[in-house]
Amino acid sequence: MLLCFGINCLLVIACIFIHFGFMAWVSYKIDSLAAQHRFSLLLHVFDGLAAHILEIFLFALAYYMMQYHFELGHLDGAFDGTFFDCFYFSFTTYTSVGFGDIAPIGFIRFTVAIEALIGLMMITWTASLLYLAMQRQWSEDILKFKAKNKLHKK
């Protein structure tokens, strides 16, 4: 149980730092490149996707290790024991889809619950940053449009 708690703490810390790192990096790159706003929004989207996939991969690796190396439980149901199935299960858990075709048994259930919570938090974090980036860019477009219209009216 203590090992499971430690693994969960490490996963949470790793996901927060990964997400912060990805989001900070893309913000720095956009500011330093002075990228056009449509391109900068695409950078935000792809950066967010990359961060989420890396976080999902970490949880999949944890499921695989917890099941086969630490014996903290197992995944049951339509699960053939491959890393690919751990990755699939992690995707459905992180996104809170939870099809129910694979079920956790044992201490690994706590990791599943943590992943669902982390997934919710990281997805909303990404959505918030995308919203702020869109709002900032579109506000600049509106100001440019208004300035342009004032020039044409004179």
C-alpha atoms as a PDB file:
ATOM      1  CA  MET A   1       0.000   0.000   0.000  1.00  0.00           C
ATOM      2  CA  LEU A   2       2.833   2.412   0.869  1.00  0.00           C
ATOM      3  CA  LEU A   3       4.574   1.628  -2.427  1.00  0.00           C
ATOM      4  CA  CYS A   4       1.349   2.369  -4.301  1.00  0.00           C
ATOM      5  CA  PHE A   5       1.035   5.684  -2.457  1.00  0.00           C
ATOM      6  CA  GLY A   6       4.607   6.581  -3.366  1.00  0.00           C
ATOM      7  CA  ILE A   7       4.086   5.706  -7.032  1.00  0.00           C
ATOM      8  CA  ASN A   8       0.900   7.787  -7.100  1.00  0.00           C
ATOM      9  CA  CYS A   9       2.666  10.791  -5.542  1.00  0.00           C
ATOM     10  CA  LEU A  10       5.468  10.544  -8.104  1.00  0.00           C
ATOM     11  CA  LEU A  11       2.952  10.313 -10.960  1.00  0.00           C
ATOM     12  CA  VAL A  12       1.050  13.384  -9.756  1.00  0.00           C
ATOM     13  CA  ILE A  13       4.230  15.422  -9.338  1.00  0.00           C
ATOM     14  CA  ALA A  14       5.581  14.284 -12.724  1.00  0.00           C
ATOM     15  CA  CYS A  15       2.336  15.147 -14.525  1.00  0.00           C
ATOM     16  CA  ILE A  16       2.137  18.610 -12.985  1.00  0.00           C
ATOM     17  CA  PHE A  17       5.759  19.398 -13.867  1.00  0.00           C
ATOM     18  CA  ILE A  18       5.420  17.963 -17.377  1.00  0.00           C
ATOM     19  CA  HIS A  19       2.279  19.959 -18.028  1.00  0.00           C
ATOM     20  CA  PHE A  20       3.728  23.150 -16.586  1.00  0.00           C
ATOM     21  CA  GLY A  21       6.902  22.649 -18.616  1.00  0.00           C
ATOM     22  CA  PHE A  22       5.044  22.119 -21.878  1.00  0.00           C
ATOM     23  CA  MET A  23       2.716  25.076 -21.308  1.00  0.00           C
ATOM     24  CA  ALA A  24       5.555  27.399 -20.260  1.00  0.00           C
ATOM     25  CA  TRP A  25       7.662  26.303 -23.227  1.00  0.00           C
ATOM     26  CA  VAL A  26       4.958  27.013 -25.795  1.00  0.00           C
ATOM     27  CA  SER A  27       4.198  30.403 -24.230  1.00  0.00           C
ATOM     28  CA  TYR A  28       7.887  31.310 -24.362  1.00  0.00           C
ATOM     29  CA  LYS A  29       8.207  30.131 -27.970  1.00  0.00           C
ATOM     30  CA  ILE A  30       5.139  32.067 -29.091  1.00  0.00           C
ATOM     31  CA  ASP A  31       6.422  35.263 -27.458  1.00  0.00           C
ATOM     32  CA  SER A  32       9.958  34.843 -28.828  1.00  0.00           C
ATOM     33  CA  LEU A  33       8.876  33.952 -32.365  1.00  0.00           C
ATOM     34  CA  ALA A  34       6.216  36.665 -32.579  1.00  0.00           C
ATOM     35  CA  ALA A  35       4.187  34.042 -34.419  1.00  0.00           C
ATOM     36  CA  GLN A  36       1.008  34.898 -36.205  1.00  0.00           C
ATOM     37  CA  HIS A  37      -1.929  34.244 -33.943  1.00  0.00           C
ATOM     38  CA  ARG A  38      -3.438  31.390 -35.950  1.00  0.00           C
ATOM     39  CA  PHE A  39      -0.109  29.597 -35.929  1.00  0.00           C
ATOM     40  CA  SER A  40       0.346  30.295 -32.223  1.00  0.00           C
ATOM     41  CA  LEU A  41      -3.031  28.731 -31.430  1.00  0.00           C
ATOM     42  CA  LEU A  42      -1.985  25.615 -33.342  1.00  0.00           C
ATOM     43  CA  LEU A  43       1.205  25.501 -31.285  1.00  0.00           C
ATOM     44  CA  HIS A  44      -0.909  25.615 -28.127  1.00  0.00           C
ATOM     45  CA  VAL A  45      -3.120  22.770 -29.360  1.00  0.00           C
ATOM     46  CA  PHE A  46      -0.268  20.474 -30.423  1.00  0.00           C
ATOM     47  CA  ASP A  47       1.703  21.289 -27.282  1.00  0.00           C
ATOM     48  CA  GLY A  48      -1.286  20.368 -25.131  1.00  0.00           C
ATOM     49  CA  LEU A  49      -1.786  17.111 -27.007  1.00  0.00           C
ATOM     50  CA  ALA A  50       1.878  16.200 -26.625  1.00  0.00           C
ATOM     51  CA  ALA A  51       1.758  16.892 -22.883  1.00  0.00           C
ATOM     52  CA  HIS A  52      -1.377  14.792 -22.437  1.00  0.00           C
ATOM     53  CA  ILE A  53       0.019  11.865 -24.432  1.00  0.00           C
ATOM     54  CA  LEU A  54       3.234  11.898 -22.399  1.00  0.00           C
ATOM     55  CA  GLU A  55       1.237  11.932 -19.155  1.00  0.00           C
ATOM     56  CA  ILE A  56      -0.940   9.065 -20.388  1.00  0.00           C
ATOM     57  CA  PHE A  57       2.228   7.162 -21.307  1.00  0.00           C
ATOM     58  CA  LEU A  58       3.566   7.633 -17.760  1.00  0.00           C
ATOM     59  CA  PHE A  59       0.408   6.184 -16.249  1.00  0.00           C
ATOM     60  CA  ALA A  60       0.468   3.287 -18.732  1.00  0.00           C
ATOM     61  CA  LEU A  61       4.045   2.555 -17.736  1.00  0.00           C
ATOM     62  CA  ALA A  62       3.019   2.681 -14.075  1.00  0.00           C
ATOM     63  CA  TYR A  63       0.163   0.214 -14.682  1.00  0.00           C
ATOM     64  CA  TYR A  64       2.506  -2.140 -16.465  1.00  0.00           C
ATOM     65  CA  MET A  65       5.162  -1.922 -13.743  1.00  0.00           C
ATOM     66  CA  MET A  66       2.653  -2.129 -10.878  1.00  0.00           C
ATOM     67  CA  GLN A  67       1.117  -5.228 -12.385  1.00  0.00           C
ATOM     68  CA  TYR A  68       4.187  -7.199 -13.457  1.00  0.00           C
ATOM     69  CA  HIS A  69       7.044  -5.949 -11.288  1.00  0.00           C
ATOM     70  CA  PHE A  70       5.519  -4.728  -8.030  1.00  0.00           C
ATOM     71  CA  GLU A  71       2.458  -7.023  -7.916  1.00  0.00           C
ATOM     72  CA  LEU A  72       0.166  -4.248  -6.656  1.00  0.00           C
ATOM     73  CA  GLY A  73      -2.853  -5.577  -8.520  1.00  0.00           C
ATOM     74  CA  HIS A  74      -3.805  -6.307 -12.066  1.00  0.00           C
ATOM     75  CA  LEU A  75      -6.075  -5.270 -14.889  1.00  0.00           C
ATOM     76  CA  ASP A  76      -8.882  -7.691 -15.665  1.00  0.00           C
ATOM     77  CA  GLY A  77     -11.395  -8.128 -18.458  1.00  0.00           C
ATOM     78  CA  ALA A  78     -10.565  -7.571 -22.132  1.00  0.00           C
ATOM     79  CA  PHE A  79      -6.896  -7.237 -21.228  1.00  0.00           C
ATOM     80  CA  ASP A  80      -4.189  -9.366 -22.831  1.00  0.00           C
ATOM     81  CA  GLY A  81      -1.322  -8.127 -20.649  1.00  0.00           C
ATOM     82  CA  THR A  82       0.513  -6.032 -23.238  1.00  0.00           C
ATOM     83  CA  PHE A  83       1.835  -2.539 -22.760  1.00  0.00           C
ATOM     84  CA  PHE A  84      -0.485  -1.458 -25.584  1.00  0.00           C
ATOM     85  CA  ASP A  85      -3.492  -2.520 -23.497  1.00  0.00           C
ATOM     86  CA  CYS A  86      -2.099  -0.582 -20.532  1.00  0.00           C
ATOM     87  CA  PHE A  87      -1.779   2.445 -22.819  1.00  0.00           C
ATOM     88  CA  TYR A  88      -5.357   1.997 -24.083  1.00  0.00           C
ATOM     89  CA  PHE A  89      -6.642   1.665 -20.528  1.00  0.00           C
ATOM     90  CA  SER A  90      -4.688   4.747 -19.495  1.00  0.00           C
ATOM     91  CA  PHE A  91      -6.198   6.754 -22.378  1.00  0.00           C
ATOM     92  CA  THR A  92      -9.742   5.807 -21.417  1.00  0.00           C
ATOM     93  CA  THR A  93      -9.069   6.554 -17.754  1.00  0.00           C
ATOM     94  CA  TYR A  94      -7.247   9.869 -18.283  1.00  0.00           C
ATOM     95  CA  THR A  95     -10.041  11.170 -20.501  1.00  0.00           C
ATOM     96  CA  SER A  96     -12.698   9.784 -18.119  1.00  0.00           C
ATOM     97  CA  VAL A  97     -14.274   7.778 -20.948  1.00  0.00           C
ATOM     98  CA  GLY A  98     -13.967   4.522 -18.992  1.00  0.00           C
ATOM     99  CA  PHE A  99     -15.535   2.021 -21.381  1.00  0.00           C
ATOM    100  CA  GLY A 100     -15.523  -0.660 -18.697  1.00  0.00           C
ATOM    101  CA  ASP A 101     -13.919  -3.365 -20.819  1.00  0.00           C
ATOM    102  CA  ILE A 102     -10.873  -3.400 -18.529  1.00  0.00           C
ATOM    103  CA  ALA A 103     -11.226  -3.237 -14.745  1.00  0.00           C
ATOM    104  CA  PRO A 104      -8.528  -2.670 -12.101  1.00  0.00           C
ATOM    105  CA  ILE A 105      -8.155  -5.164  -9.243  1.00  0.00           C
ATOM    106  CA  GLY A 106      -6.119  -4.508  -6.097  1.00  0.00           C
ATOM    107  CA  PHE A 107      -4.107  -1.452  -5.055  1.00  0.00           C
ATOM    108  CA  ILE A 108      -3.799  -0.393  -8.695  1.00  0.00           C
ATOM    109  CA  ARG A 109      -7.360   0.964  -8.326  1.00  0.00           C
ATOM    110  CA  PHE A 110      -5.992   3.959  -6.414  1.00  0.00           C
ATOM    111  CA  THR A 111      -3.738   4.815  -9.336  1.00  0.00           C
ATOM    112  CA  VAL A 112      -6.723   4.608 -11.675  1.00  0.00           C
ATOM    113  CA  ALA A 113      -8.667   7.056  -9.500  1.00  0.00           C
ATOM    114  CA  ILE A 114      -5.671   9.425  -9.353  1.00  0.00           C
ATOM    115  CA  GLU A 115      -5.297   9.279 -13.143  1.00  0.00           C
ATOM    116  CA  ALA A 116      -8.942  10.214 -13.681  1.00  0.00           C
ATOM    117  CA  LEU A 117      -8.521  13.210 -11.382  1.00  0.00           C
ATOM    118  CA  ILE A 118      -5.203  14.255 -12.963  1.00  0.00           C
ATOM    119  CA  GLY A 119      -6.707  13.869 -16.433  1.00  0.00           C
ATOM    120  CA  LEU A 120      -9.590  16.147 -15.528  1.00  0.00           C
ATOM    121  CA  MET A 121      -7.242  18.744 -14.057  1.00  0.00           C
ATOM    122  CA  MET A 122      -4.734  18.684 -16.925  1.00  0.00           C
ATOM    123  CA  ILE A 123      -7.411  18.794 -19.643  1.00  0.00           C
ATOM    124  CA  THR A 124      -9.093  21.781 -17.993  1.00  0.00           C
ATOM    125  CA  TRP A 125      -5.704  23.456 -17.527  1.00  0.00           C
ATOM    126  CA  THR A 126      -5.031  23.088 -21.259  1.00  0.00           C
ATOM    127  CA  ALA A 127      -8.525  24.285 -22.142  1.00  0.00           C
ATOM    128  CA  SER A 128      -8.101  27.343 -19.915  1.00  0.00           C
ATOM    129  CA  LEU A 129      -4.800  28.275 -21.523  1.00  0.00           C
ATOM    130  CA  LEU A 130      -6.258  27.793 -24.998  1.00  0.00           C
ATOM    131  CA  TYR A 131      -9.192  30.003 -24.076  1.00  0.00           C
ATOM    132  CA  LEU A 132      -6.872  32.727 -22.771  1.00  0.00           C
ATOM    133  CA  ALA A 133      -4.693  32.529 -25.889  1.00  0.00           C
ATOM    134  CA  MET A 134      -7.741  32.780 -28.143  1.00  0.00           C
ATOM    135  CA  GLN A 135      -9.157  35.651 -26.146  1.00  0.00           C
ATOM    136  CA  ARG A 136      -5.873  37.563 -26.294  1.00  0.00           C
ATOM    137  CA  GLN A 137      -5.431  37.003 -30.032  1.00  0.00           C
ATOM    138  CA  TRP A 138      -9.007  37.789 -30.953  1.00  0.00           C
ATOM    139  CA  SER A 139      -8.990  40.935 -28.810  1.00  0.00           C
ATOM    140  CA  GLU A 140      -5.953  42.128 -30.760  1.00  0.00           C
ATOM    141  CA  ASP A 141      -7.757  41.345 -34.035  1.00  0.00           C
ATOM    142  CA  ILE A 142     -10.788  43.358 -32.944  1.00  0.00           C
ATOM    143  CA  LEU A 143      -8.607  46.340 -31.996  1.00  0.00           C
ATOM    144  CA  LYS A 144      -6.821  46.178 -35.365  1.00  0.00           C
ATOM    145  CA  PHE A 145     -10.158  45.940 -37.157  1.00  0.00           C
ATOM    146  CA  LYS A 146     -11.550  48.958 -35.296  1.00  0.00           C
ATOM    147  CA  ALA A 147      -8.398  50.978 -35.980  1.00  0.00           C
ATOM    148  CA  LYS A 148      -8.561  50.081 -39.655  1.00  0.00           C
ATOM    149  CA  ASN A 149     -12.226  51.112 -39.873  1.00  0.00           C
ATOM    150  CA  LYS A 150     -11.486  54.489 -38.229  1.00  0.00           C
ATOM    151  CA  LEU A 151      -8.895  55.198 -40.911  1.00  0.00           C
ATOM    152  CA  HIS A 152     -11.338  54.338 -43.708  1.00  0.00           C
ATOM    153  CA  LYS A 153     -14.096  56.554 -42.255  1.00  0.00           C
ATOM    154  CA  LYS A 154     -11.888  59.677 -42.342  1.00  0.00           C
END
